[in-house]
């Protein structure tokens, strides 16, 4: 599973956990994924035993599906959430370092301009 698919699965599991009555069309719109992708992911999650679907009658007395996380689905959601948080925290730290370096570089450029000098980088004028 690649990063994008893992993130899509996490978003889908979170959405279903919050509202198991969402239709595939609603999930597609809510998550910004194609209807085909939602269908593919739901089938994969059902096949893996992470969610189960049950029929229910909605407020318009129409038959719909209820997508419920299984105990295994709840555990998998927790595992993916942990890995996602760990990866995003590492990305955040890298971005913080890059922003700090860029600010230092901009400060050097501004100082050099204010003094009428060319900026010095790595000891070169």
PDB file of N, CA and C in Angstrom:
ATOM      1  N   UNK A   1       0.845  -1.179   0.000  1.00  0.00           N
ATOM      2  CA  UNK A   1       0.000   0.000   0.000  1.00  0.00           C
ATOM      3  C   UNK A   1       0.892   1.245   0.000  1.00  0.00           C
ATOM      4  N   UNK A   2       0.659   2.162  -0.946  1.00  0.00           N
ATOM      5  CA  UNK A   2       1.464   3.376  -0.983  1.00  0.00           C
ATOM      6  C   UNK A   2       0.889   4.433  -0.037  1.00  0.00           C
ATOM      7  N   UNK A   3       1.640   5.546   0.103  1.00  0.00           N
ATOM      8  CA  UNK A   3       1.230   6.598   1.041  1.00  0.00           C
ATOM      9  C   UNK A   3      -0.144   7.160   0.720  1.00  0.00           C
ATOM     10  N   UNK A   4      -0.402   7.411  -0.564  1.00  0.00           N
ATOM     11  CA  UNK A   4      -1.690   7.998  -0.946  1.00  0.00           C
ATOM     12  C   UNK A   4      -2.850   7.059  -0.650  1.00  0.00           C
ATOM     13  N   UNK A   5      -2.661   5.780  -0.927  1.00  0.00           N
ATOM     14  CA  UNK A   5      -3.733   4.817  -0.663  1.00  0.00           C
ATOM     15  C   UNK A   5      -3.947   4.650   0.842  1.00  0.00           C
ATOM     16  N   UNK A   6      -2.858   4.628   1.602  1.00  0.00           N
ATOM     17  CA  UNK A   6      -2.974   4.527   3.060  1.00  0.00           C
ATOM     18  C   UNK A   6      -3.735   5.725   3.610  1.00  0.00           C
ATOM     19  N   UNK A   7      -3.417   6.910   3.097  1.00  0.00           N
ATOM     20  CA  UNK A   7      -4.103   8.117   3.552  1.00  0.00           C
ATOM     21  C   UNK A   7      -5.585   8.073   3.163  1.00  0.00           C
ATOM     22  N   UNK A   8      -5.885   7.584   1.970  1.00  0.00           N
ATOM     23  CA  UNK A   8      -7.279   7.468   1.527  1.00  0.00           C
ATOM     24  C   UNK A   8      -8.038   6.481   2.411  1.00  0.00           C
ATOM     25  N   UNK A   9      -7.399   5.373   2.754  1.00  0.00           N
ATOM     26  CA  UNK A   9      -8.037   4.375   3.624  1.00  0.00           C
ATOM     27  C   UNK A   9      -8.294   4.967   5.003  1.00  0.00           C
ATOM     28  N   UNK A  10      -7.316   5.704   5.529  1.00  0.00           N
ATOM     29  CA  UNK A  10      -7.503   6.331   6.836  1.00  0.00           C
ATOM     30  C   UNK A  10      -8.672   7.315   6.794  1.00  0.00           C
ATOM     31  N   UNK A  11      -8.722   8.153   5.771  1.00  0.00           N
ATOM     32  CA  UNK A  11      -9.828   9.105   5.652  1.00  0.00           C
ATOM     33  C   UNK A  11     -11.167   8.378   5.558  1.00  0.00           C
ATOM     34  N   UNK A  12     -11.196   7.295   4.797  1.00  0.00           N
ATOM     35  CA  UNK A  12     -12.427   6.522   4.638  1.00  0.00           C
ATOM     36  C   UNK A  12     -12.844   5.885   5.965  1.00  0.00           C
ATOM     37  N   UNK A  13     -11.904   5.276   6.671  1.00  0.00           N
ATOM     38  CA  UNK A  13     -12.220   4.661   7.966  1.00  0.00           C
ATOM     39  C   UNK A  13     -12.715   5.708   8.958  1.00  0.00           C
ATOM     40  N   UNK A  14     -12.090   6.880   8.950  1.00  0.00           N
ATOM     41  CA  UNK A  14     -12.522   7.949   9.860  1.00  0.00           C
ATOM     42  C   UNK A  14     -13.934   8.413   9.519  1.00  0.00           C
ATOM     43  N   UNK A  15     -14.203   8.587   8.219  1.00  0.00           N
ATOM     44  CA  UNK A  15     -15.537   9.031   7.798  1.00  0.00           C
ATOM     45  C   UNK A  15     -16.600   8.003   8.174  1.00  0.00           C
ATOM     46  N   UNK A  16     -16.301   6.725   7.959  1.00  0.00           N
ATOM     47  CA  UNK A  16     -17.266   5.673   8.294  1.00  0.00           C
ATOM     48  C   UNK A  16     -17.461   5.553   9.798  1.00  0.00           C
ATOM     49  N   UNK A  17     -16.402   5.783  10.557  1.00  0.00           N
ATOM     50  CA  UNK A  17     -16.495   5.738  12.013  1.00  0.00           C
ATOM     51  C   UNK A  17     -17.430   6.846  12.505  1.00  0.00           C
ATOM     52  N   UNK A  18     -17.336   8.021  11.871  1.00  0.00           N
ATOM     53  CA  UNK A  18     -18.174   9.158  12.258  1.00  0.00           C
ATOM     54  C   UNK A  18     -19.611   9.009  11.764  1.00  0.00           C
ATOM     55  N   UNK A  19     -19.773   8.470  10.547  1.00  0.00           N
ATOM     56  CA  UNK A  19     -21.111   8.365   9.965  1.00  0.00           C
ATOM     57  C   UNK A  19     -21.209   7.123   9.078  1.00  0.00           C
ATOM     58  N   UNK A  20     -21.550   5.983   9.664  1.00  0.00           N
ATOM     59  CA  UNK A  20     -21.594   4.731   8.898  1.00  0.00           C
ATOM     60  C   UNK A  20     -22.708   4.684   7.853  1.00  0.00           C
ATOM     61  N   UNK A  21     -23.634   5.639   7.881  1.00  0.00           N
ATOM     62  CA  UNK A  21     -24.742   5.642   6.931  1.00  0.00           C
ATOM     63  C   UNK A  21     -24.418   6.387   5.638  1.00  0.00           C
ATOM     64  N   UNK A  22     -23.223   6.961   5.537  1.00  0.00           N
ATOM     65  CA  UNK A  22     -22.880   7.700   4.324  1.00  0.00           C
ATOM     66  C   UNK A  22     -22.909   6.768   3.117  1.00  0.00           C
ATOM     67  N   UNK A  23     -23.476   7.273   2.032  1.00  0.00           N
ATOM     68  CA  UNK A  23     -23.493   6.501   0.794  1.00  0.00           C
ATOM     69  C   UNK A  23     -22.125   6.611   0.121  1.00  0.00           C
ATOM     70  N   UNK A  24     -21.901   5.752  -0.855  1.00  0.00           N
ATOM     71  CA  UNK A  24     -20.643   5.824  -1.595  1.00  0.00           C
ATOM     72  C   UNK A  24     -20.520   7.180  -2.287  1.00  0.00           C
ATOM     73  N   UNK A  25     -21.615   7.694  -2.797  1.00  0.00           N
ATOM     74  CA  UNK A  25     -21.595   9.001  -3.460  1.00  0.00           C
ATOM     75  C   UNK A  25     -21.232  10.108  -2.456  1.00  0.00           C
ATOM     76  N   UNK A  26     -21.812  10.044  -1.258  1.00  0.00           N
ATOM     77  CA  UNK A  26     -21.496  11.026  -0.217  1.00  0.00           C
ATOM     78  C   UNK A  26     -20.032  10.910   0.206  1.00  0.00           C
ATOM     79  N   UNK A  27     -19.560   9.683   0.360  1.00  0.00           N
ATOM     80  CA  UNK A  27     -18.154   9.470   0.720  1.00  0.00           C
ATOM     81  C   UNK A  27     -17.241  10.039  -0.358  1.00  0.00           C
ATOM     82  N   UNK A  28     -17.597   9.807  -1.613  1.00  0.00           N
ATOM     83  CA  UNK A  28     -16.813  10.309  -2.735  1.00  0.00           C
ATOM     84  C   UNK A  28     -16.704  11.826  -2.673  1.00  0.00           C
ATOM     85  N   UNK A  29     -17.822  12.481  -2.475  1.00  0.00           N
ATOM     86  CA  UNK A  29     -17.852  13.943  -2.405  1.00  0.00           C
ATOM     87  C   UNK A  29     -17.111  14.452  -1.170  1.00  0.00           C
ATOM     88  N   UNK A  30     -17.362  13.834  -0.040  1.00  0.00           N
ATOM     89  CA  UNK A  30     -16.770  14.251   1.241  1.00  0.00           C
ATOM     90  C   UNK A  30     -15.246  14.104   1.251  1.00  0.00           C
ATOM     91  N   UNK A  31     -14.751  13.024   0.648  1.00  0.00           N
ATOM     92  CA  UNK A  31     -13.318  12.728   0.691  1.00  0.00           C
ATOM     93  C   UNK A  31     -12.568  13.210  -0.549  1.00  0.00           C
ATOM     94  N   UNK A  32     -13.300  13.654  -1.559  1.00  0.00           N
ATOM     95  CA  UNK A  32     -12.646  14.117  -2.778  1.00  0.00           C
ATOM     96  C   UNK A  32     -12.028  12.988  -3.588  1.00  0.00           C
ATOM     97  N   UNK A  33     -12.629  11.812  -3.505  1.00  0.00           N
ATOM     98  CA  UNK A  33     -12.156  10.651  -4.256  1.00  0.00           C
ATOM     99  C   UNK A  33     -13.238  10.243  -5.247  1.00  0.00           C
ATOM    100  N   UNK A  34     -12.830   9.604  -6.327  1.00  0.00           N
ATOM    101  CA  UNK A  34     -13.813   9.172  -7.320  1.00  0.00           C
ATOM    102  C   UNK A  34     -14.718   8.096  -6.721  1.00  0.00           C
ATOM    103  N   UNK A  35     -15.893   7.995  -7.288  1.00  0.00           N
ATOM    104  CA  UNK A  35     -16.840   6.978  -6.849  1.00  0.00           C
ATOM    105  C   UNK A  35     -16.255   5.581  -7.043  1.00  0.00           C
ATOM    106  N   UNK A  36     -15.544   5.385  -8.145  1.00  0.00           N
ATOM    107  CA  UNK A  36     -14.894   4.098  -8.402  1.00  0.00           C
ATOM    108  C   UNK A  36     -13.851   3.761  -7.352  1.00  0.00           C
ATOM    109  N   UNK A  37     -13.074   4.772  -6.938  1.00  0.00           N
ATOM    110  CA  UNK A  37     -12.043   4.560  -5.911  1.00  0.00           C
ATOM    111  C   UNK A  37     -12.698   4.201  -4.576  1.00  0.00           C
ATOM    112  N   UNK A  38     -13.776   4.896  -4.232  1.00  0.00           N
ATOM    113  CA  UNK A  38     -14.499   4.593  -2.987  1.00  0.00           C
ATOM    114  C   UNK A  38     -14.999   3.152  -3.025  1.00  0.00           C
ATOM    115  N   UNK A  39     -15.604   2.756  -4.135  1.00  0.00           N
ATOM    116  CA  UNK A  39     -16.116   1.396  -4.277  1.00  0.00           C
ATOM    117  C   UNK A  39     -14.991   0.383  -4.136  1.00  0.00           C
ATOM    118  N   UNK A  40     -13.866   0.644  -4.791  1.00  0.00           N
ATOM    119  CA  UNK A  40     -12.698  -0.243  -4.722  1.00  0.00           C
ATOM    120  C   UNK A  40     -12.198  -0.372  -3.284  1.00  0.00           C
ATOM    121  N   UNK A  41     -12.062   0.765  -2.589  1.00  0.00           N
ATOM    122  CA  UNK A  41     -11.555   0.745  -1.211  1.00  0.00           C
ATOM    123  C   UNK A  41     -12.530   0.040  -0.271  1.00  0.00           C
ATOM    124  N   UNK A  42     -13.818   0.311  -0.429  1.00  0.00           N
ATOM    125  CA  UNK A  42     -14.811  -0.349   0.430  1.00  0.00           C
ATOM    126  C   UNK A  42     -14.768  -1.862   0.250  1.00  0.00           C
ATOM    127  N   UNK A  43     -14.701  -2.304  -0.993  1.00  0.00           N
ATOM    128  CA  UNK A  43     -14.635  -3.749  -1.250  1.00  0.00           C
ATOM    129  C   UNK A  43     -13.364  -4.355  -0.641  1.00  0.00           C
ATOM    130  N   UNK A  44     -12.252  -3.642  -0.772  1.00  0.00           N
ATOM    131  CA  UNK A  44     -10.990  -4.134  -0.204  1.00  0.00           C
ATOM    132  C   UNK A  44     -11.079  -4.213   1.320  1.00  0.00           C
ATOM    133  N   UNK A  45     -11.681  -3.203   1.943  1.00  0.00           N
ATOM    134  CA  UNK A  45     -11.816  -3.198   3.403  1.00  0.00           C
ATOM    135  C   UNK A  45     -12.766  -4.297   3.873  1.00  0.00           C
ATOM    136  N   UNK A  46     -13.820  -4.539   3.110  1.00  0.00           N
ATOM    137  CA  UNK A  46     -14.743  -5.633   3.443  1.00  0.00           C
ATOM    138  C   UNK A  46     -14.020  -6.969   3.298  1.00  0.00           C
ATOM    139  N   UNK A  47     -13.283  -7.143   2.199  1.00  0.00           N
ATOM    140  CA  UNK A  47     -12.540  -8.398   1.970  1.00  0.00           C
ATOM    141  C   UNK A  47     -11.517  -8.660   3.072  1.00  0.00           C
ATOM    142  N   UNK A  48     -10.919  -7.600   3.597  1.00  0.00           N
ATOM    143  CA  UNK A  48      -9.924  -7.742   4.665  1.00  0.00           C
ATOM    144  C   UNK A  48     -10.570  -7.870   6.040  1.00  0.00           C
ATOM    145  N   UNK A  49     -11.892  -7.773   6.105  1.00  0.00           N
ATOM    146  CA  UNK A  49     -12.601  -7.909   7.372  1.00  0.00           C
ATOM    147  C   UNK A  49     -12.507  -6.680   8.259  1.00  0.00           C
ATOM    148  N   UNK A  50     -12.181  -5.532   7.672  1.00  0.00           N
ATOM    149  CA  UNK A  50     -12.033  -4.311   8.464  1.00  0.00           C
ATOM    150  C   UNK A  50     -13.342  -3.547   8.610  1.00  0.00           C
ATOM    151  N   UNK A  51     -14.235  -3.734   7.652  1.00  0.00           N
ATOM    152  CA  UNK A  51     -15.580  -3.175   7.761  1.00  0.00           C
ATOM    153  C   UNK A  51     -16.565  -4.248   7.308  1.00  0.00           C
ATOM    154  N   UNK A  52     -17.809  -4.066   7.722  1.00  0.00           N
ATOM    155  CA  UNK A  52     -18.874  -4.934   7.229  1.00  0.00           C
ATOM    156  C   UNK A  52     -20.007  -4.025   6.781  1.00  0.00           C
ATOM    157  N   UNK A  53     -20.755  -4.491   5.816  1.00  0.00           N
ATOM    158  CA  UNK A  53     -21.885  -3.687   5.347  1.00  0.00           C
ATOM    159  C   UNK A  53     -23.175  -4.410   5.705  1.00  0.00           C
ATOM    160  N   UNK A  54     -24.132  -3.622   6.141  1.00  0.00           N
ATOM    161  CA  UNK A  54     -25.441  -4.152   6.493  1.00  0.00           C
ATOM    162  C   UNK A  54     -26.496  -3.296   5.817  1.00  0.00           C
ATOM    163  N   UNK A  55     -27.584  -3.910   5.442  1.00  0.00           N
ATOM    164  CA  UNK A  55     -28.702  -3.166   4.865  1.00  0.00           C
ATOM    165  C   UNK A  55     -29.456  -2.442   5.972  1.00  0.00           C
ATOM    166  N   UNK A  56     -29.981  -1.269   5.636  1.00  0.00           N
ATOM    167  CA  UNK A  56     -30.851  -0.544   6.557  1.00  0.00           C
ATOM    168  C   UNK A  56     -31.806   0.298   5.720  1.00  0.00           C
ATOM    169  N   UNK A  57     -32.889   0.728   6.334  1.00  0.00           N
ATOM    170  CA  UNK A  57     -33.829   1.620   5.647  1.00  0.00           C
ATOM    171  C   UNK A  57     -33.573   3.029   6.154  1.00  0.00           C
ATOM    172  N   UNK A  58     -33.348   3.948   5.201  1.00  0.00           N
ATOM    173  CA  UNK A  58     -33.082   5.330   5.598  1.00  0.00           C
ATOM    174  C   UNK A  58     -34.394   6.069   5.858  1.00  0.00           C
ATOM    175  N   UNK A  59     -34.292   7.372   6.130  1.00  0.00           N
ATOM    176  CA  UNK A  59     -35.468   8.166   6.495  1.00  0.00           C
ATOM    177  C   UNK A  59     -36.498   8.241   5.368  1.00  0.00           C
ATOM    178  N   UNK A  60     -36.061   8.035   4.129  1.00  0.00           N
ATOM    179  CA  UNK A  60     -36.991   8.048   2.992  1.00  0.00           C
ATOM    180  C   UNK A  60     -37.523   6.637   2.718  1.00  0.00           C
ATOM    181  N   UNK A  61     -37.299   5.747   3.662  1.00  0.00           N
ATOM    182  CA  UNK A  61     -37.733   4.353   3.573  1.00  0.00           C
ATOM    183  C   UNK A  61     -37.088   3.620   2.395  1.00  0.00           C
ATOM    184  N   UNK A  62     -35.915   4.082   2.013  1.00  0.00           N
ATOM    185  CA  UNK A  62     -35.155   3.421   0.951  1.00  0.00           C
ATOM    186  C   UNK A  62     -34.110   2.524   1.593  1.00  0.00           C
ATOM    187  N   UNK A  63     -33.796   1.448   0.893  1.00  0.00           N
ATOM    188  CA  UNK A  63     -32.776   0.528   1.372  1.00  0.00           C
ATOM    189  C   UNK A  63     -31.397   1.123   1.108  1.00  0.00           C
ATOM    190  N   UNK A  64     -30.551   1.124   2.108  1.00  0.00           N
ATOM    191  CA  UNK A  64     -29.191   1.624   1.965  1.00  0.00           C
ATOM    192  C   UNK A  64     -28.233   0.684   2.662  1.00  0.00           C
ATOM    193  N   UNK A  65     -26.968   1.061   2.635  1.00  0.00           N
ATOM    194  CA  UNK A  65     -25.950   0.257   3.311  1.00  0.00           C
ATOM    195  C   UNK A  65     -25.409   1.015   4.503  1.00  0.00           C
ATOM    196  N   UNK A  66     -25.147   0.279   5.534  1.00  0.00           N
ATOM    197  CA  UNK A  66     -24.501   0.790   6.727  1.00  0.00           C
ATOM    198  C   UNK A  66     -23.116   0.165   6.737  1.00  0.00           C
ATOM    199  N   UNK A  67     -22.068   0.979   6.735  1.00  0.00           N
ATOM    200  CA  UNK A  67     -20.697   0.469   6.735  1.00  0.00           C
ATOM    201  C   UNK A  67     -20.142   0.596   8.149  1.00  0.00           C
ATOM    202  N   UNK A  68     -19.951  -0.531   8.806  1.00  0.00           N
ATOM    203  CA  UNK A  68     -19.518  -0.545  10.201  1.00  0.00           C
ATOM    204  C   UNK A  68     -18.094  -1.066  10.321  1.00  0.00           C
ATOM    205  N   UNK A  69     -17.293  -0.377  11.123  1.00  0.00           N
ATOM    206  CA  UNK A  69     -15.945  -0.862  11.390  1.00  0.00           C
ATOM    207  C   UNK A  69     -16.038  -2.086  12.291  1.00  0.00           C
ATOM    208  N   UNK A  70     -15.298  -3.106  11.949  1.00  0.00           N
ATOM    209  CA  UNK A  70     -15.207  -4.301  12.787  1.00  0.00           C
ATOM    210  C   UNK A  70     -14.160  -4.019  13.864  1.00  0.00           C
ATOM    211  N   UNK A  71     -14.051  -4.879  14.881  1.00  0.00           N
ATOM    212  CA  UNK A  71     -12.968  -4.690  15.855  1.00  0.00           C
ATOM    213  C   UNK A  71     -11.598  -4.619  15.165  1.00  0.00           C
ATOM    214  N   UNK A  72     -11.401  -5.447  14.144  1.00  0.00           N
ATOM    215  CA  UNK A  72     -10.149  -5.393  13.386  1.00  0.00           C
ATOM    216  C   UNK A  72      -9.996  -4.080  12.645  1.00  0.00           C
ATOM    217  N   UNK A  73     -11.108  -3.536  12.164  1.00  0.00           N
ATOM    218  CA  UNK A  73     -11.084  -2.245  11.479  1.00  0.00           C
ATOM    219  C   UNK A  73     -10.729  -1.114  12.425  1.00  0.00           C
ATOM    220  N   UNK A  74     -11.234  -1.202  13.643  1.00  0.00           N
ATOM    221  CA  UNK A  74     -10.911  -0.192  14.658  1.00  0.00           C
ATOM    222  C   UNK A  74      -9.420  -0.248  14.986  1.00  0.00           C
ATOM    223  N   UNK A  75      -8.889  -1.466  15.129  1.00  0.00           N
ATOM    224  CA  UNK A  75      -7.451  -1.629  15.398  1.00  0.00           C
ATOM    225  C   UNK A  75      -6.610  -1.121  14.230  1.00  0.00           C
ATOM    226  N   UNK A  76      -7.012  -1.462  13.006  1.00  0.00           N
ATOM    227  CA  UNK A  76      -6.262  -1.023  11.823  1.00  0.00           C
ATOM    228  C   UNK A  76      -6.293   0.496  11.707  1.00  0.00           C
ATOM    229  N   UNK A  77      -7.442   1.098  11.990  1.00  0.00           N
ATOM    230  CA  UNK A  77      -7.558   2.560  11.963  1.00  0.00           C
ATOM    231  C   UNK A  77      -6.583   3.175  12.965  1.00  0.00           C
ATOM    232  N   UNK A  78      -6.488   2.594  14.148  1.00  0.00           N
ATOM    233  CA  UNK A  78      -5.554   3.094  15.161  1.00  0.00           C
ATOM    234  C   UNK A  78      -4.112   2.947  14.688  1.00  0.00           C
ATOM    235  N   UNK A  79      -3.771   1.799  14.080  1.00  0.00           N
ATOM    236  CA  UNK A  79      -2.403   1.582  13.569  1.00  0.00           C
ATOM    237  C   UNK A  79      -2.056   2.578  12.467  1.00  0.00           C
ATOM    238  N   UNK A  80      -2.983   2.742  11.525  1.00  0.00           N
ATOM    239  CA  UNK A  80      -2.732   3.673  10.421  1.00  0.00           C
ATOM    240  C   UNK A  80      -2.619   5.097  10.949  1.00  0.00           C
ATOM    241  N   UNK A  81      -3.484   5.446  11.901  1.00  0.00           N
ATOM    242  CA  UNK A  81      -3.440   6.790  12.487  1.00  0.00           C
ATOM    243  C   UNK A  81      -2.094   7.035  13.150  1.00  0.00           C
ATOM    244  N   UNK A  82      -1.588   6.056  13.889  1.00  0.00           N
ATOM    245  CA  UNK A  82      -0.289   6.187  14.549  1.00  0.00           C
ATOM    246  C   UNK A  82       0.822   6.393  13.519  1.00  0.00           C
ATOM    247  N   UNK A  83       0.842   5.554  12.471  1.00  0.00           N
ATOM    248  CA  UNK A  83       1.880   5.683  11.435  1.00  0.00           C
ATOM    249  C   UNK A  83       1.755   7.013  10.694  1.00  0.00           C
ATOM    250  N   UNK A  84       0.523   7.421  10.426  1.00  0.00           N
ATOM    251  CA  UNK A  84       0.270   8.683   9.734  1.00  0.00           C
ATOM    252  C   UNK A  84       0.780   9.852  10.574  1.00  0.00           C
ATOM    253  N   UNK A  85       0.473   9.835  11.865  1.00  0.00           N
ATOM    254  CA  UNK A  85       0.932  10.895  12.762  1.00  0.00           C
ATOM    255  C   UNK A  85       2.451  10.923  12.829  1.00  0.00           C
ATOM    256  N   UNK A  86       3.065   9.759  12.911  1.00  0.00           N
ATOM    257  CA  UNK A  86       4.527   9.671  12.971  1.00  0.00           C
ATOM    258  C   UNK A  86       5.152  10.260  11.701  1.00  0.00           C
ATOM    259  N   UNK A  87       4.595   9.893  10.532  1.00  0.00           N
ATOM    260  CA  UNK A  87       5.121  10.393   9.261  1.00  0.00           C
ATOM    261  C   UNK A  87       4.916  11.901   9.139  1.00  0.00           C
ATOM    262  N   UNK A  88       3.737  12.386   9.498  1.00  0.00           N
ATOM    263  CA  UNK A  88       3.445  13.816   9.399  1.00  0.00           C
ATOM    264  C   UNK A  88       4.292  14.622  10.378  1.00  0.00           C
ATOM    265  N   UNK A  89       4.566  14.065  11.554  1.00  0.00           N
ATOM    266  CA  UNK A  89       5.428  14.746  12.519  1.00  0.00           C
ATOM    267  C   UNK A  89       6.841  14.866  11.967  1.00  0.00           C
ATOM    268  N   UNK A  90       7.346  13.815  11.341  1.00  0.00           N
ATOM    269  CA  UNK A  90       8.681  13.860  10.726  1.00  0.00           C
ATOM    270  C   UNK A  90       8.710  14.884   9.594  1.00  0.00           C
ATOM    271  N   UNK A  91       7.656  14.913   8.770  1.00  0.00           N
ATOM    272  CA  UNK A  91       7.576  15.904   7.692  1.00  0.00           C
ATOM    273  C   UNK A  91       7.547  17.314   8.266  1.00  0.00           C
ATOM    274  N   UNK A  92       6.809  17.498   9.348  1.00  0.00           N
ATOM    275  CA  UNK A  92       6.718  18.799  10.007  1.00  0.00           C
ATOM    276  C   UNK A  92       8.089  19.255  10.502  1.00  0.00           C
ATOM    277  N   UNK A  93       8.825  18.349  11.128  1.00  0.00           N
ATOM    278  CA  UNK A  93      10.159  18.695  11.627  1.00  0.00           C
ATOM    279  C   UNK A  93      11.090  19.072  10.477  1.00  0.00           C
ATOM    280  N   UNK A  94      11.012  18.330   9.359  1.00  0.00           N
ATOM    281  CA  UNK A  94      11.843  18.654   8.200  1.00  0.00           C
ATOM    282  C   UNK A  94      11.461  20.019   7.631  1.00  0.00           C
ATOM    283  N   UNK A  95      10.171  20.301   7.580  1.00  0.00           N
ATOM    284  CA  UNK A  95       9.720  21.602   7.085  1.00  0.00           C
ATOM    285  C   UNK A  95      10.159  22.730   8.011  1.00  0.00           C
ATOM    286  N   UNK A  96      10.091  22.488   9.322  1.00  0.00           N
ATOM    287  CA  UNK A  96      10.557  23.506  10.272  1.00  0.00           C
ATOM    288  C   UNK A  96      12.019  23.835  10.028  1.00  0.00           C
ATOM    289  N   UNK A  97      12.855  22.800   9.826  1.00  0.00           N
ATOM    290  CA  UNK A  97      14.279  23.012   9.557  1.00  0.00           C
ATOM    291  C   UNK A  97      14.478  23.769   8.254  1.00  0.00           C
ATOM    292  N   UNK A  98      13.733  23.396   7.229  1.00  0.00           N
ATOM    293  CA  UNK A  98      13.866  24.071   5.937  1.00  0.00           C
ATOM    294  C   UNK A  98      13.439  25.534   6.041  1.00  0.00           C
ATOM    295  N   UNK A  99      12.358  25.799   6.749  1.00  0.00           N
ATOM    296  CA  UNK A  99      11.900  27.177   6.940  1.00  0.00           C
ATOM    297  C   UNK A  99      12.942  27.982   7.700  1.00  0.00           C
ATOM    298  N   UNK A 100      13.539  27.384   8.738  1.00  0.00           N
ATOM    299  CA  UNK A 100      14.580  28.076   9.499  1.00  0.00           C
ATOM    300  C   UNK A 100      15.751  28.435   8.591  1.00  0.00           C
ATOM    301  N   UNK A 101      16.200  27.472   7.759  1.00  0.00           N
ATOM    302  CA  UNK A 101      17.319  27.735   6.839  1.00  0.00           C
ATOM    303  C   UNK A 101      16.965  28.816   5.823  1.00  0.00           C
ATOM    304  N   UNK A 102      15.745  28.772   5.308  1.00  0.00           N
ATOM    305  CA  UNK A 102      15.321  29.787   4.342  1.00  0.00           C
ATOM    306  C   UNK A 102      15.266  31.173   4.979  1.00  0.00           C
ATOM    307  N   UNK A 103      14.785  31.251   6.203  1.00  0.00           N
ATOM    308  CA  UNK A 103      14.751  32.539   6.909  1.00  0.00           C
ATOM    309  C   UNK A 103      16.158  33.082   7.119  1.00  0.00           C
ATOM    310  N   UNK A 104      17.082  32.183   7.477  1.00  0.00           N
ATOM    311  CA  UNK A 104      18.475  32.607   7.645  1.00  0.00           C
ATOM    312  C   UNK A 104      19.043  33.119   6.329  1.00  0.00           C
ATOM    313  N   UNK A 105      18.746  32.426   5.252  1.00  0.00           N
ATOM    314  CA  UNK A 105      19.232  32.826   3.933  1.00  0.00           C
ATOM    315  C   UNK A 105      18.648  34.181   3.528  1.00  0.00           C
ATOM    316  N   UNK A 106      17.361  34.375   3.754  1.00  0.00           N
ATOM    317  CA  UNK A 106      16.718  35.652   3.432  1.00  0.00           C
ATOM    318  C   UNK A 106      17.312  36.768   4.280  1.00  0.00           C
ATOM    319  N   UNK A 107      17.560  36.491   5.553  1.00  0.00           N
ATOM    320  CA  UNK A 107      18.162  37.503   6.427  1.00  0.00           C
ATOM    321  C   UNK A 107      19.541  37.901   5.921  1.00  0.00           C
ATOM    322  N   UNK A 108      20.345  36.927   5.481  1.00  0.00           N
ATOM    323  CA  UNK A 108      21.667  37.235   4.920  1.00  0.00           C
ATOM    324  C   UNK A 108      21.542  38.102   3.673  1.00  0.00           C
ATOM    325  N   UNK A 109      20.599  37.770   2.820  1.00  0.00           N
ATOM    326  CA  UNK A 109      20.390  38.548   1.592  1.00  0.00           C
ATOM    327  C   UNK A 109      19.958  39.966   1.929  1.00  0.00           C
ATOM    328  N   UNK A 110      19.023  40.100   2.868  1.00  0.00           N
ATOM    329  CA  UNK A 110      18.546  41.431   3.254  1.00  0.00           C
ATOM    330  C   UNK A 110      19.650  42.249   3.910  1.00  0.00           C
ATOM    331  N   UNK A 111      20.453  41.608   4.757  1.00  0.00           N
ATOM    332  CA  UNK A 111      21.577  42.304   5.387  1.00  0.00           C
ATOM    333  C   UNK A 111      22.573  42.772   4.339  1.00  0.00           C
ATOM    334  N   UNK A 112      22.864  41.916   3.377  1.00  0.00           N
ATOM    335  CA  UNK A 112      23.822  42.265   2.328  1.00  0.00           C
ATOM    336  C   UNK A 112      23.286  43.412   1.478  1.00  0.00           C
ATOM    337  N   UNK A 113      22.020  43.384   1.159  1.00  0.00           N
ATOM    338  CA  UNK A 113      21.416  44.468   0.369  1.00  0.00           C
ATOM    339  C   UNK A 113      21.434  45.775   1.142  1.00  0.00           C
ATOM    340  N   UNK A 114      21.131  45.706   2.412  1.00  0.00           N
ATOM    341  CA  UNK A 114      21.108  46.913   3.238  1.00  0.00           C
ATOM    342  C   UNK A 114      22.494  47.530   3.328  1.00  0.00           C
ATOM    343  N   UNK A 115      23.522  46.707   3.321  1.00  0.00           N
ATOM    344  CA  UNK A 115      24.890  47.203   3.403  1.00  0.00           C
ATOM    345  C   UNK A 115      25.511  47.452   2.040  1.00  0.00           C
ATOM    346  N   UNK A 116      24.775  47.194   0.974  1.00  0.00           N
ATOM    347  CA  UNK A 116      25.290  47.403  -0.369  1.00  0.00           C
ATOM    348  C   UNK A 116      26.278  46.347  -0.811  1.00  0.00           C
ATOM    349  N   UNK A 117      26.261  45.202  -0.171  1.00  0.00           N
ATOM    350  CA  UNK A 117      27.185  44.122  -0.513  1.00  0.00           C
ATOM    351  C   UNK A 117      26.435  42.984  -1.185  1.00  0.00           C
ATOM    352  N   UNK A 118      27.202  42.206  -1.930  1.00  0.00           N
ATOM    353  CA  UNK A 118      26.641  40.974  -2.474  1.00  0.00           C
ATOM    354  C   UNK A 118      26.491  39.984  -1.323  1.00  0.00           C
ATOM    355  N   UNK A 119      25.442  39.197  -1.346  1.00  0.00           N
ATOM    356  CA  UNK A 119      25.306  38.183  -0.289  1.00  0.00           C
ATOM    357  C   UNK A 119      26.431  37.163  -0.378  1.00  0.00           C
ATOM    358  N   UNK A 120      26.898  36.740   0.779  1.00  0.00           N
ATOM    359  CA  UNK A 120      27.955  35.739   0.844  1.00  0.00           C
ATOM    360  C   UNK A 120      27.321  34.425   1.249  1.00  0.00           C
ATOM    361  N   UNK A 121      27.595  33.419   0.457  1.00  0.00           N
ATOM    362  CA  UNK A 121      27.064  32.097   0.761  1.00  0.00           C
ATOM    363  C   UNK A 121      28.202  31.109   0.676  1.00  0.00           C
ATOM    364  N   UNK A 122      28.343  30.297   1.695  1.00  0.00           N
ATOM    365  CA  UNK A 122      29.393  29.278   1.739  1.00  0.00           C
ATOM    366  C   UNK A 122      30.777  29.880   1.522  1.00  0.00           C
ATOM    367  N   UNK A 123      30.963  31.090   2.024  1.00  0.00           N
ATOM    368  CA  UNK A 123      32.282  31.721   1.935  1.00  0.00           C
ATOM    369  C   UNK A 123      32.588  32.330   0.583  1.00  0.00           C
ATOM    370  N   UNK A 124      31.657  32.307  -0.362  1.00  0.00           N
ATOM    371  CA  UNK A 124      31.883  32.869  -1.694  1.00  0.00           C
ATOM    372  C   UNK A 124      31.104  34.166  -1.837  1.00  0.00           C
ATOM    373  N   UNK A 125      31.720  35.155  -2.495  1.00  0.00           N
ATOM    374  CA  UNK A 125      31.038  36.433  -2.694  1.00  0.00           C
ATOM    375  C   UNK A 125      30.235  36.405  -3.971  1.00  0.00           C
TER     376      UNK A 125
END
